[in-house]
């Protein structure tokens, strides 16, 4: 199990919206699966989580299993595995004073245990990059409640 934490200088609603609706704007280019640094990353309450390159190529990144604004998102996560062997990612958004603590918990499912173990270092490094970029986006946009 990987657990990563970042403290953002914004409220939980804004942090949730940045993570779920605005990932295209800040997700690190080195962590995009279409290899297109301008690709769109979409996480939808309806269940889809995907990336679309400028040429229309799509990569399914997972499935949204729980959508609980502004406190939690739970995903079946396909990067590093596939739809038949998803890992599980839970992202929580907890208020702390005028900030938000974002915690990412990433672990195996019954079908991905061996694959998760083989890729844990890659997942660990990826979440460091993603959460750093999220913190930078939150700082850059300023304010506590608006995106």
C-alpha atoms as a PDB file:
ATOM      1  CA  UNK A   1       0.000   0.000   0.000  1.00  0.00           C
ATOM      2  CA  UNK A   2       1.221   3.460  -0.907  1.00  0.00           C
ATOM      3  CA  UNK A   3       0.011   6.448   1.077  1.00  0.00           C
ATOM      4  CA  UNK A   4       0.906   9.989   0.019  1.00  0.00           C
ATOM      5  CA  UNK A   5      -0.172  13.251   1.636  1.00  0.00           C
ATOM      6  CA  UNK A   6      -0.041  16.882   0.531  1.00  0.00           C
ATOM      7  CA  UNK A   7      -1.369  19.991   2.268  1.00  0.00           C
ATOM      8  CA  UNK A   8      -2.992  22.461  -0.114  1.00  0.00           C
ATOM      9  CA  UNK A   9      -3.595  26.157   0.444  1.00  0.00           C
ATOM     10  CA  UNK A  10      -7.245  25.942  -0.563  1.00  0.00           C
ATOM     11  CA  UNK A  11     -10.491  24.588   0.821  1.00  0.00           C
ATOM     12  CA  UNK A  12     -11.719  21.015   0.212  1.00  0.00           C
ATOM     13  CA  UNK A  13     -14.292  21.972  -2.448  1.00  0.00           C
ATOM     14  CA  UNK A  14     -11.639  23.722  -4.505  1.00  0.00           C
ATOM     15  CA  UNK A  15      -9.122  20.908  -3.982  1.00  0.00           C
ATOM     16  CA  UNK A  16     -11.718  18.322  -5.041  1.00  0.00           C
ATOM     17  CA  UNK A  17     -12.608  20.328  -8.151  1.00  0.00           C
ATOM     18  CA  UNK A  18      -8.960  20.870  -9.100  1.00  0.00           C
ATOM     19  CA  UNK A  19      -8.279  17.149  -8.819  1.00  0.00           C
ATOM     20  CA  UNK A  20     -11.394  15.888 -10.566  1.00  0.00           C
ATOM     21  CA  UNK A  21     -12.413  18.565 -13.091  1.00  0.00           C
ATOM     22  CA  UNK A  22      -9.189  20.430 -13.853  1.00  0.00           C
ATOM     23  CA  UNK A  23      -6.503  17.717 -13.982  1.00  0.00           C
ATOM     24  CA  UNK A  24      -5.827  18.559 -17.642  1.00  0.00           C
ATOM     25  CA  UNK A  25      -4.455  21.925 -16.523  1.00  0.00           C
ATOM     26  CA  UNK A  26      -1.848  20.608 -14.087  1.00  0.00           C
ATOM     27  CA  UNK A  27      -1.271  16.847 -14.518  1.00  0.00           C
ATOM     28  CA  UNK A  28       2.466  16.326 -15.182  1.00  0.00           C
ATOM     29  CA  UNK A  29       3.257  15.743 -18.877  1.00  0.00           C
ATOM     30  CA  UNK A  30       5.640  12.945 -17.862  1.00  0.00           C
ATOM     31  CA  UNK A  31       2.692  11.073 -16.323  1.00  0.00           C
ATOM     32  CA  UNK A  32       0.372  11.250 -19.339  1.00  0.00           C
ATOM     33  CA  UNK A  33      -0.274   7.931 -21.005  1.00  0.00           C
ATOM     34  CA  UNK A  34      -0.978   9.112 -24.552  1.00  0.00           C
ATOM     35  CA  UNK A  35       2.491  10.730 -24.681  1.00  0.00           C
ATOM     36  CA  UNK A  36       0.728  13.964 -25.694  1.00  0.00           C
ATOM     37  CA  UNK A  37       1.589  16.708 -23.164  1.00  0.00           C
ATOM     38  CA  UNK A  38      -1.557  18.598 -24.222  1.00  0.00           C
ATOM     39  CA  UNK A  39      -3.923  15.651 -23.725  1.00  0.00           C
ATOM     40  CA  UNK A  40      -7.163  16.090 -21.793  1.00  0.00           C
ATOM     41  CA  UNK A  41      -7.605  14.138 -18.572  1.00  0.00           C
ATOM     42  CA  UNK A  42     -11.238  13.576 -17.600  1.00  0.00           C
ATOM     43  CA  UNK A  43     -12.617  12.109 -14.392  1.00  0.00           C
ATOM     44  CA  UNK A  44     -16.396  11.981 -14.500  1.00  0.00           C
ATOM     45  CA  UNK A  45     -18.960  11.347 -11.804  1.00  0.00           C
ATOM     46  CA  UNK A  46     -20.657   8.996 -14.290  1.00  0.00           C
ATOM     47  CA  UNK A  47     -17.718   6.604 -13.927  1.00  0.00           C
ATOM     48  CA  UNK A  48     -15.319   7.353 -16.758  1.00  0.00           C
ATOM     49  CA  UNK A  49     -11.691   8.239 -16.082  1.00  0.00           C
ATOM     50  CA  UNK A  50      -9.700   8.655 -19.285  1.00  0.00           C
ATOM     51  CA  UNK A  51      -7.146  10.639 -21.233  1.00  0.00           C
ATOM     52  CA  UNK A  52      -7.697  11.942 -24.776  1.00  0.00           C
ATOM     53  CA  UNK A  53      -4.833  13.113 -27.012  1.00  0.00           C
ATOM     54  CA  UNK A  54      -5.179  15.911 -29.570  1.00  0.00           C
ATOM     55  CA  UNK A  55      -5.369  13.280 -32.341  1.00  0.00           C
ATOM     56  CA  UNK A  56      -8.406  11.662 -30.662  1.00  0.00           C
ATOM     57  CA  UNK A  57      -6.549   8.681 -29.199  1.00  0.00           C
ATOM     58  CA  UNK A  58      -8.062   7.691 -25.861  1.00  0.00           C
ATOM     59  CA  UNK A  59      -6.588   5.732 -22.976  1.00  0.00           C
ATOM     60  CA  UNK A  60      -8.913   4.438 -20.268  1.00  0.00           C
ATOM     61  CA  UNK A  61      -7.221   5.292 -16.981  1.00  0.00           C
ATOM     62  CA  UNK A  62      -9.787   3.628 -14.758  1.00  0.00           C
ATOM     63  CA  UNK A  63     -13.326   3.749 -13.414  1.00  0.00           C
ATOM     64  CA  UNK A  64     -14.778   6.044 -10.788  1.00  0.00           C
ATOM     65  CA  UNK A  65     -16.322   3.796  -8.130  1.00  0.00           C
ATOM     66  CA  UNK A  66     -17.237   6.484  -5.584  1.00  0.00           C
ATOM     67  CA  UNK A  67     -17.719  10.225  -6.084  1.00  0.00           C
ATOM     68  CA  UNK A  68     -18.336  12.057  -2.807  1.00  0.00           C
ATOM     69  CA  UNK A  69     -17.664  15.793  -3.259  1.00  0.00           C
ATOM     70  CA  UNK A  70     -15.845  17.439  -1.651  1.00  0.00           C
ATOM     71  CA  UNK A  71     -14.369  14.664   0.502  1.00  0.00           C
ATOM     72  CA  UNK A  72     -13.558  11.504  -1.475  1.00  0.00           C
ATOM     73  CA  UNK A  73     -13.029   9.783  -4.814  1.00  0.00           C
ATOM     74  CA  UNK A  74     -12.458   6.031  -5.186  1.00  0.00           C
ATOM     75  CA  UNK A  75     -11.041   4.628  -8.424  1.00  0.00           C
ATOM     76  CA  UNK A  76     -10.309   1.381 -10.142  1.00  0.00           C
ATOM     77  CA  UNK A  77      -6.943   2.429 -11.579  1.00  0.00           C
ATOM     78  CA  UNK A  78      -5.537   0.911 -14.793  1.00  0.00           C
ATOM     79  CA  UNK A  79      -2.135   2.593 -15.343  1.00  0.00           C
ATOM     80  CA  UNK A  80       0.600   0.038 -14.762  1.00  0.00           C
ATOM     81  CA  UNK A  81      -1.920  -2.807 -15.032  1.00  0.00           C
ATOM     82  CA  UNK A  82      -5.132  -3.056 -17.073  1.00  0.00           C
ATOM     83  CA  UNK A  83      -8.907  -3.188 -16.731  1.00  0.00           C
ATOM     84  CA  UNK A  84      -8.782  -6.888 -15.838  1.00  0.00           C
ATOM     85  CA  UNK A  85      -6.253  -6.275 -13.031  1.00  0.00           C
ATOM     86  CA  UNK A  86      -6.996  -2.791 -11.661  1.00  0.00           C
ATOM     87  CA  UNK A  87      -5.378  -1.352  -8.608  1.00  0.00           C
ATOM     88  CA  UNK A  88      -7.412   0.761  -6.198  1.00  0.00           C
ATOM     89  CA  UNK A  89      -6.848   4.458  -5.533  1.00  0.00           C
ATOM     90  CA  UNK A  90      -8.700   6.405  -2.864  1.00  0.00           C
ATOM     91  CA  UNK A  91      -8.248  10.173  -2.693  1.00  0.00           C
ATOM     92  CA  UNK A  92      -9.566  12.014   0.364  1.00  0.00           C
ATOM     93  CA  UNK A  93      -9.853  15.759   0.948  1.00  0.00           C
ATOM     94  CA  UNK A  94      -9.910  16.800   4.612  1.00  0.00           C
ATOM     95  CA  UNK A  95     -10.194  20.404   5.831  1.00  0.00           C
ATOM     96  CA  UNK A  96      -7.448  21.627   8.139  1.00  0.00           C
ATOM     97  CA  UNK A  97      -7.766  25.288   9.143  1.00  0.00           C
ATOM     98  CA  UNK A  98      -7.882  27.179   5.805  1.00  0.00           C
ATOM     99  CA  UNK A  99      -6.114  24.337   4.030  1.00  0.00           C
ATOM    100  CA  UNK A 100      -6.930  20.872   2.757  1.00  0.00           C
ATOM    101  CA  UNK A 101      -5.013  17.693   3.418  1.00  0.00           C
ATOM    102  CA  UNK A 102      -5.175  15.433   0.377  1.00  0.00           C
ATOM    103  CA  UNK A 103      -4.345  11.792   1.006  1.00  0.00           C
ATOM    104  CA  UNK A 104      -3.852   9.281  -1.804  1.00  0.00           C
ATOM    105  CA  UNK A 105      -3.992   5.606  -0.847  1.00  0.00           C
ATOM    106  CA  UNK A 106      -3.003   3.285  -3.674  1.00  0.00           C
ATOM    107  CA  UNK A 107      -3.063  -0.456  -3.258  1.00  0.00           C
ATOM    108  CA  UNK A 108      -3.669  -3.769  -4.956  1.00  0.00           C
ATOM    109  CA  UNK A 109      -6.979  -5.478  -5.524  1.00  0.00           C
ATOM    110  CA  UNK A 110      -7.453  -9.243  -5.406  1.00  0.00           C
ATOM    111  CA  UNK A 111      -6.638  -9.429  -9.117  1.00  0.00           C
ATOM    112  CA  UNK A 112      -3.609  -7.110  -9.131  1.00  0.00           C
ATOM    113  CA  UNK A 113      -1.525  -8.090  -6.115  1.00  0.00           C
ATOM    114  CA  UNK A 114       1.482  -9.422  -8.023  1.00  0.00           C
ATOM    115  CA  UNK A 115       1.411  -6.626 -10.620  1.00  0.00           C
ATOM    116  CA  UNK A 116       1.141  -3.993  -7.889  1.00  0.00           C
ATOM    117  CA  UNK A 117       4.203  -5.389  -6.160  1.00  0.00           C
ATOM    118  CA  UNK A 118       6.189  -5.232  -9.397  1.00  0.00           C
ATOM    119  CA  UNK A 119       5.189  -1.618 -10.041  1.00  0.00           C
ATOM    120  CA  UNK A 120       5.075  -0.098  -6.564  1.00  0.00           C
ATOM    121  CA  UNK A 121       8.221   2.025  -7.087  1.00  0.00           C
ATOM    122  CA  UNK A 122       6.763   3.471 -10.293  1.00  0.00           C
ATOM    123  CA  UNK A 123       3.428   4.219  -8.630  1.00  0.00           C
ATOM    124  CA  UNK A 124       5.227   5.815  -5.683  1.00  0.00           C
ATOM    125  CA  UNK A 125       7.236   8.164  -7.915  1.00  0.00           C
ATOM    126  CA  UNK A 126       4.177   8.997 -10.018  1.00  0.00           C
ATOM    127  CA  UNK A 127       2.094  10.064  -7.010  1.00  0.00           C
ATOM    128  CA  UNK A 128       4.959  12.276  -5.802  1.00  0.00           C
ATOM    129  CA  UNK A 129       4.947  14.048  -9.184  1.00  0.00           C
ATOM    130  CA  UNK A 130       1.153  14.286  -9.368  1.00  0.00           C
ATOM    131  CA  UNK A 131       0.684  15.684  -5.858  1.00  0.00           C
ATOM    132  CA  UNK A 132       3.513  18.170  -6.309  1.00  0.00           C
ATOM    133  CA  UNK A 133       1.858  19.424  -9.505  1.00  0.00           C
ATOM    134  CA  UNK A 134      -1.516  19.637  -7.731  1.00  0.00           C
ATOM    135  CA  UNK A 135      -0.002  21.741  -4.932  1.00  0.00           C
ATOM    136  CA  UNK A 136       1.614  24.054  -7.483  1.00  0.00           C
ATOM    137  CA  UNK A 137      -1.713  24.457  -9.327  1.00  0.00           C
ATOM    138  CA  UNK A 138      -3.498  25.312  -6.097  1.00  0.00           C
ATOM    139  CA  UNK A 139      -0.858  27.927  -5.197  1.00  0.00           C
ATOM    140  CA  UNK A 140      -0.846  29.424  -8.694  1.00  0.00           C
ATOM    141  CA  UNK A 141      -4.605  29.917  -8.778  1.00  0.00           C
ATOM    142  CA  UNK A 142      -4.814  31.519  -5.323  1.00  0.00           C
ATOM    143  CA  UNK A 143      -7.989  31.962  -3.307  1.00  0.00           C
ATOM    144  CA  UNK A 144      -9.737  29.438  -1.121  1.00  0.00           C
ATOM    145  CA  UNK A 145     -13.012  28.663  -2.831  1.00  0.00           C
ATOM    146  CA  UNK A 146     -12.963  29.476  -6.531  1.00  0.00           C
ATOM    147  CA  UNK A 147     -11.350  27.568  -9.383  1.00  0.00           C
END
